[in-house]
Amino acid sequence: ESAVLLAMAFDRYVAICKPLHYTT
């Protein structure tokens, strides 16, 4: 669960900081 919460933080980082590359 701790690892998945970290992965979700990475997901939000990519979505907001690198939105154009999110899907790639």
PDB file of all heavy atoms in Angstrom:
ATOM      1  N   GLU A   1       0.835  -1.207   0.000  1.00  0.00           N
ATOM      2  CA  GLU A   1       0.000   0.000   0.000  1.00  0.00           C
ATOM      3  C   GLU A   1       0.866   1.252   0.000  1.00  0.00           C
ATOM      4  O   GLU A   1       0.570   2.215  -0.710  1.00  0.00           O
ATOM      5  CB  GLU A   1      -0.941   0.011   1.214  1.00  0.00           C
ATOM      6  CG  GLU A   1      -1.787   1.260   1.290  1.00  0.00           C
ATOM      7  CD  GLU A   1      -3.169   1.018   1.868  1.00  0.00           C
ATOM      8  OE1 GLU A   1      -3.531  -0.142   2.137  1.00  0.00           O
ATOM      9  OE2 GLU A   1      -3.894   2.004   2.035  1.00  0.00           O
ATOM     10  N   SER A   2       1.928   1.238   0.772  1.00  0.00           N
ATOM     11  CA  SER A   2       2.843   2.371   0.787  1.00  0.00           C
ATOM     12  C   SER A   2       3.445   2.603  -0.594  1.00  0.00           C
ATOM     13  O   SER A   2       3.559   3.741  -1.062  1.00  0.00           O
ATOM     14  CB  SER A   2       3.954   2.123   1.819  1.00  0.00           C
ATOM     15  OG  SER A   2       4.842   3.216   1.881  1.00  0.00           O
ATOM     16  N   ALA A   3       3.809   1.504  -1.271  1.00  0.00           N
ATOM     17  CA  ALA A   3       4.393   1.606  -2.615  1.00  0.00           C
ATOM     18  C   ALA A   3       3.382   2.148  -3.625  1.00  0.00           C
ATOM     19  O   ALA A   3       3.730   2.962  -4.494  1.00  0.00           O
ATOM     20  CB  ALA A   3       4.901   0.240  -3.067  1.00  0.00           C
ATOM     21  N   VAL A   4       2.127   1.707  -3.529  1.00  0.00           N
ATOM     22  CA  VAL A   4       1.097   2.182  -4.464  1.00  0.00           C
ATOM     23  C   VAL A   4       0.797   3.661  -4.231  1.00  0.00           C
ATOM     24  O   VAL A   4       0.593   4.422  -5.186  1.00  0.00           O
ATOM     25  CB  VAL A   4      -0.186   1.327  -4.339  1.00  0.00           C
ATOM     26  CG1 VAL A   4      -1.334   1.957  -5.119  1.00  0.00           C
ATOM     27  CG2 VAL A   4       0.080  -0.082  -4.855  1.00  0.00           C
ATOM     28  N   LEU A   5       0.792   4.107  -2.971  1.00  0.00           N
ATOM     29  CA  LEU A   5       0.606   5.538  -2.692  1.00  0.00           C
ATOM     30  C   LEU A   5       1.748   6.354  -3.286  1.00  0.00           C
ATOM     31  O   LEU A   5       1.535   7.461  -3.792  1.00  0.00           O
ATOM     32  CB  LEU A   5       0.508   5.772  -1.184  1.00  0.00           C
ATOM     33  CG  LEU A   5      -0.789   5.296  -0.521  1.00  0.00           C
ATOM     34  CD1 LEU A   5      -0.680   5.401   0.997  1.00  0.00           C
ATOM     35  CD2 LEU A   5      -1.985   6.094  -1.019  1.00  0.00           C
ATOM     36  N   LEU A   6       2.963   5.805  -3.243  1.00  0.00           N
ATOM     37  CA  LEU A   6       4.098   6.476  -3.885  1.00  0.00           C
ATOM     38  C   LEU A   6       3.905   6.520  -5.399  1.00  0.00           C
ATOM     39  O   LEU A   6       4.164   7.552  -6.042  1.00  0.00           O
ATOM     40  CB  LEU A   6       5.398   5.741  -3.530  1.00  0.00           C
ATOM     41  CG  LEU A   6       6.670   6.213  -4.238  1.00  0.00           C
ATOM     42  CD1 LEU A   6       6.918   7.701  -3.996  1.00  0.00           C
ATOM     43  CD2 LEU A   6       7.873   5.389  -3.779  1.00  0.00           C
ATOM     44  N   ALA A   7       3.443   5.418  -5.984  1.00  0.00           N
ATOM     45  CA  ALA A   7       3.181   5.379  -7.432  1.00  0.00           C
ATOM     46  C   ALA A   7       2.107   6.387  -7.828  1.00  0.00           C
ATOM     47  O   ALA A   7       2.196   7.033  -8.878  1.00  0.00           O
ATOM     48  CB  ALA A   7       2.757   3.966  -7.849  1.00  0.00           C
ATOM     49  N   MET A   8       1.102   6.561  -6.975  1.00  0.00           N
ATOM     50  CA  MET A   8       0.041   7.526  -7.249  1.00  0.00           C
ATOM     51  C   MET A   8       0.568   8.959  -7.163  1.00  0.00           C
ATOM     52  O   MET A   8       0.110   9.851  -7.892  1.00  0.00           O
ATOM     53  CB  MET A   8      -1.124   7.313  -6.282  1.00  0.00           C
ATOM     54  CG  MET A   8      -1.829   5.981  -6.479  1.00  0.00           C
ATOM     55  SD  MET A   8      -3.056   5.596  -5.203  1.00  0.00           S
ATOM     56  CE  MET A   8      -4.486   6.461  -5.855  1.00  0.00           C
ATOM     57  N   ALA A   9       1.540   9.200  -6.286  1.00  0.00           N
ATOM     58  CA  ALA A   9       2.179  10.517  -6.222  1.00  0.00           C
ATOM     59  C   ALA A   9       2.959  10.782  -7.509  1.00  0.00           C
ATOM     60  O   ALA A   9       2.932  11.901  -8.052  1.00  0.00           O
ATOM     61  CB  ALA A   9       3.110  10.588  -5.013  1.00  0.00           C
ATOM     62  N   PHE A  10       3.629   9.741  -8.009  1.00  0.00           N
ATOM     63  CA  PHE A  10       4.348   9.867  -9.278  1.00  0.00           C
ATOM     64  C   PHE A  10       3.382  10.150 -10.427  1.00  0.00           C
ATOM     65  O   PHE A  10       3.652  10.973 -11.306  1.00  0.00           O
ATOM     66  CB  PHE A  10       5.139   8.591  -9.547  1.00  0.00           C
ATOM     67  CG  PHE A  10       5.839   8.562 -10.875  1.00  0.00           C
ATOM     68  CD1 PHE A  10       6.875   9.454 -11.148  1.00  0.00           C
ATOM     69  CD2 PHE A  10       5.457   7.659 -11.869  1.00  0.00           C
ATOM     70  CE1 PHE A  10       7.523   9.433 -12.379  1.00  0.00           C
ATOM     71  CE2 PHE A  10       6.091   7.638 -13.094  1.00  0.00           C
ATOM     72  CZ  PHE A  10       7.131   8.530 -13.356  1.00  0.00           C
ATOM     73  N   ASP A  11       2.232   9.490 -10.388  1.00  0.00           N
ATOM     74  CA  ASP A  11       1.185   9.721 -11.396  1.00  0.00           C
ATOM     75  C   ASP A  11       0.739  11.176 -11.399  1.00  0.00           C
ATOM     76  O   ASP A  11       0.609  11.810 -12.449  1.00  0.00           O
ATOM     77  CB  ASP A  11       0.003   8.803 -11.112  1.00  0.00           C
ATOM     78  CG  ASP A  11      -1.238   9.184 -11.905  1.00  0.00           C
ATOM     79  OD1 ASP A  11      -1.294   8.855 -13.109  1.00  0.00           O
ATOM     80  OD2 ASP A  11      -2.144   9.806 -11.324  1.00  0.00           O
ATOM     81  N   ARG A  12       0.504  11.751 -10.202  1.00  0.00           N
ATOM     82  CA  ARG A  12       0.086  13.161 -10.112  1.00  0.00           C
ATOM     83  C   ARG A  12       1.207  14.097 -10.556  1.00  0.00           C
ATOM     84  O   ARG A  12       0.960  15.127 -11.174  1.00  0.00           O
ATOM     85  CB  ARG A  12      -0.331  13.494  -8.675  1.00  0.00           C
ATOM     86  CG  ARG A  12      -1.611  12.830  -8.185  1.00  0.00           C
ATOM     87  CD  ARG A  12      -2.817  13.231  -9.036  1.00  0.00           C
ATOM     88  NE  ARG A  12      -2.954  12.415 -10.233  1.00  0.00           N
ATOM     89  CZ  ARG A  12      -3.547  12.814 -11.342  1.00  0.00           C
ATOM     90  NH1 ARG A  12      -4.044  14.025 -11.440  1.00  0.00           N
ATOM     91  NH2 ARG A  12      -3.626  12.013 -12.393  1.00  0.00           N
ATOM     92  N   TYR A  13       2.462  13.721 -10.261  1.00  0.00           N
ATOM     93  CA  TYR A  13       3.612  14.529 -10.688  1.00  0.00           C
ATOM     94  C   TYR A  13       3.673  14.601 -12.210  1.00  0.00           C
ATOM     95  O   TYR A  13       3.826  15.682 -12.793  1.00  0.00           O
ATOM     96  CB  TYR A  13       4.903  13.937 -10.117  1.00  0.00           C
ATOM     97  CG  TYR A  13       6.146  14.419 -10.826  1.00  0.00           C
ATOM     98  CD1 TYR A  13       6.637  15.702 -10.601  1.00  0.00           C
ATOM     99  CD2 TYR A  13       6.819  13.597 -11.735  1.00  0.00           C
ATOM    100  CE1 TYR A  13       7.771  16.156 -11.270  1.00  0.00           C
ATOM    101  CE2 TYR A  13       7.944  14.037 -12.398  1.00  0.00           C
ATOM    102  CZ  TYR A  13       8.420  15.319 -12.165  1.00  0.00           C
ATOM    103  OH  TYR A  13       9.538  15.765 -12.833  1.00  0.00           O
ATOM    104  N   VAL A  14       3.551  13.452 -12.867  1.00  0.00           N
ATOM    105  CA  VAL A  14       3.617  13.431 -14.333  1.00  0.00           C
ATOM    106  C   VAL A  14       2.420  14.170 -14.927  1.00  0.00           C
ATOM    107  O   VAL A  14       2.570  14.946 -15.883  1.00  0.00           O
ATOM    108  CB  VAL A  14       3.659  11.967 -14.857  1.00  0.00           C
ATOM    109  CG1 VAL A  14       3.627  11.946 -16.383  1.00  0.00           C
ATOM    110  CG2 VAL A  14       4.903  11.261 -14.352  1.00  0.00           C
ATOM    111  N   ALA A  15       1.228  13.976 -14.368  1.00  0.00           N
ATOM    112  CA  ALA A  15       0.014  14.610 -14.896  1.00  0.00           C
ATOM    113  C   ALA A  15       0.081  16.132 -14.830  1.00  0.00           C
ATOM    114  O   ALA A  15      -0.411  16.822 -15.733  1.00  0.00           O
ATOM    115  CB  ALA A  15      -1.212  14.110 -14.132  1.00  0.00           C
ATOM    116  N   ILE A  16       0.705  16.676 -13.785  1.00  0.00           N
ATOM    117  CA  ILE A  16       0.731  18.127 -13.599  1.00  0.00           C
ATOM    118  C   ILE A  16       2.010  18.761 -14.133  1.00  0.00           C
ATOM    119  O   ILE A  16       1.970  19.837 -14.744  1.00  0.00           O
ATOM    120  CB  ILE A  16       0.535  18.466 -12.098  1.00  0.00           C
ATOM    121  CG1 ILE A  16      -0.881  18.082 -11.678  1.00  0.00           C
ATOM    122  CG2 ILE A  16       0.793  19.941 -11.820  1.00  0.00           C
ATOM    123  CD1 ILE A  16      -1.144  18.182 -10.193  1.00  0.00           C
ATOM    124  N   CYS A  17       3.144  18.103 -13.932  1.00  0.00           N
ATOM    125  CA  CYS A  17       4.429  18.693 -14.343  1.00  0.00           C
ATOM    126  C   CYS A  17       4.801  18.355 -15.786  1.00  0.00           C
ATOM    127  O   CYS A  17       5.529  19.110 -16.429  1.00  0.00           O
ATOM    128  CB  CYS A  17       5.542  18.229 -13.404  1.00  0.00           C
ATOM    129  SG  CYS A  17       5.280  18.715 -11.693  1.00  0.00           S
ATOM    130  N   LYS A  18       4.330  17.228 -16.303  1.00  0.00           N
ATOM    131  CA  LYS A  18       4.640  16.827 -17.679  1.00  0.00           C
ATOM    132  C   LYS A  18       3.366  16.344 -18.384  1.00  0.00           C
ATOM    133  O   LYS A  18       3.292  15.203 -18.852  1.00  0.00           O
ATOM    134  CB  LYS A  18       5.699  15.725 -17.684  1.00  0.00           C
ATOM    135  CG  LYS A  18       7.017  16.117 -17.017  1.00  0.00           C
ATOM    136  CD  LYS A  18       8.010  14.969 -17.035  1.00  0.00           C
ATOM    137  CE  LYS A  18       9.285  15.331 -16.292  1.00  0.00           C
ATOM    138  NZ  LYS A  18      10.043  16.403 -16.934  1.00  0.00           N
ATOM    139  N   PRO A  19       2.351  17.202 -18.466  1.00  0.00           N
ATOM    140  CA  PRO A  19       1.047  16.754 -18.997  1.00  0.00           C
ATOM    141  C   PRO A  19       1.090  16.275 -20.444  1.00  0.00           C
ATOM    142  O   PRO A  19       0.339  15.374 -20.817  1.00  0.00           O
ATOM    143  CB  PRO A  19       0.169  18.004 -18.853  1.00  0.00           C
ATOM    144  CG  PRO A  19       1.128  19.154 -18.772  1.00  0.00           C
ATOM    145  CD  PRO A  19       2.337  18.629 -18.089  1.00  0.00           C
ATOM    146  N   LEU A  20       1.965  16.855 -21.254  1.00  0.00           N
ATOM    147  CA  LEU A  20       2.037  16.474 -22.670  1.00  0.00           C
ATOM    148  C   LEU A  20       2.633  15.083 -22.858  1.00  0.00           C
ATOM    149  O   LEU A  20       2.440  14.460 -23.909  1.00  0.00           O
ATOM    150  CB  LEU A  20       2.846  17.508 -23.457  1.00  0.00           C
ATOM    151  CG  LEU A  20       2.274  18.941 -23.466  1.00  0.00           C
ATOM    152  CD1 LEU A  20       3.198  19.879 -24.245  1.00  0.00           C
ATOM    153  CD2 LEU A  20       0.876  18.953 -24.076  1.00  0.00           C
ATOM    154  N   HIS A  21       3.378  14.612 -21.852  1.00  0.00           N
ATOM    155  CA  HIS A  21       4.027  13.300 -21.961  1.00  0.00           C
ATOM    156  C   HIS A  21       3.363  12.255 -21.070  1.00  0.00           C
ATOM    157  O   HIS A  21       3.902  11.165 -20.894  1.00  0.00           O
ATOM    158  CB  HIS A  21       5.513  13.429 -21.579  1.00  0.00           C
ATOM    159  CG  HIS A  21       6.262  14.431 -22.394  1.00  0.00           C
ATOM    160  ND1 HIS A  21       6.619  14.212 -23.705  1.00  0.00           N
ATOM    161  CD2 HIS A  21       6.703  15.682 -22.088  1.00  0.00           C
ATOM    162  CE1 HIS A  21       7.264  15.263 -24.173  1.00  0.00           C
ATOM    163  NE2 HIS A  21       7.318  16.181 -23.215  1.00  0.00           N
ATOM    164  N   TYR A  22       2.197  12.602 -20.517  1.00  0.00           N
ATOM    165  CA  TYR A  22       1.537  11.729 -19.536  1.00  0.00           C
ATOM    166  C   TYR A  22       1.294  10.319 -20.085  1.00  0.00           C
ATOM    167  O   TYR A  22       1.675   9.323 -19.475  1.00  0.00           O
ATOM    168  CB  TYR A  22       0.213  12.370 -19.098  1.00  0.00           C
ATOM    169  CG  TYR A  22      -0.531  11.596 -18.038  1.00  0.00           C
ATOM    170  CD1 TYR A  22      -0.048  11.531 -16.726  1.00  0.00           C
ATOM    171  CD2 TYR A  22      -1.721  10.938 -18.337  1.00  0.00           C
ATOM    172  CE1 TYR A  22      -0.739  10.832 -15.746  1.00  0.00           C
ATOM    173  CE2 TYR A  22      -2.425  10.246 -17.349  1.00  0.00           C
ATOM    174  CZ  TYR A  22      -1.923  10.185 -16.061  1.00  0.00           C
ATOM    175  OH  TYR A  22      -2.612   9.490 -15.097  1.00  0.00           O
ATOM    176  N   THR A  23       0.679  10.245 -21.261  1.00  0.00           N
ATOM    177  CA  THR A  23       0.322   8.931 -21.821  1.00  0.00           C
ATOM    178  C   THR A  23       1.538   8.162 -22.334  1.00  0.00           C
ATOM    179  O   THR A  23       1.514   6.933 -22.371  1.00  0.00           O
ATOM    180  CB  THR A  23      -0.697   9.088 -22.967  1.00  0.00           C
ATOM    181  OG1 THR A  23      -0.184  10.009 -23.932  1.00  0.00           O
ATOM    182  CG2 THR A  23      -2.022   9.609 -22.441  1.00  0.00           C
ATOM    183  N   THR A  24       2.570   8.881 -22.731  1.00  0.00           N
ATOM    184  CA  THR A  24       3.772   8.191 -23.227  1.00  0.00           C
ATOM    185  C   THR A  24       4.669   7.705 -22.085  1.00  0.00           C
ATOM    186  O   THR A  24       5.403   6.730 -22.246  1.00  0.00           O
ATOM    187  CB  THR A  24       4.588   9.116 -24.151  1.00  0.00           C
ATOM    188  OG1 THR A  24       4.904  10.330 -23.452  1.00  0.00           O
ATOM    189  CG2 THR A  24       3.805   9.446 -25.407  1.00  0.00           C
TER     190      THR A  24
END
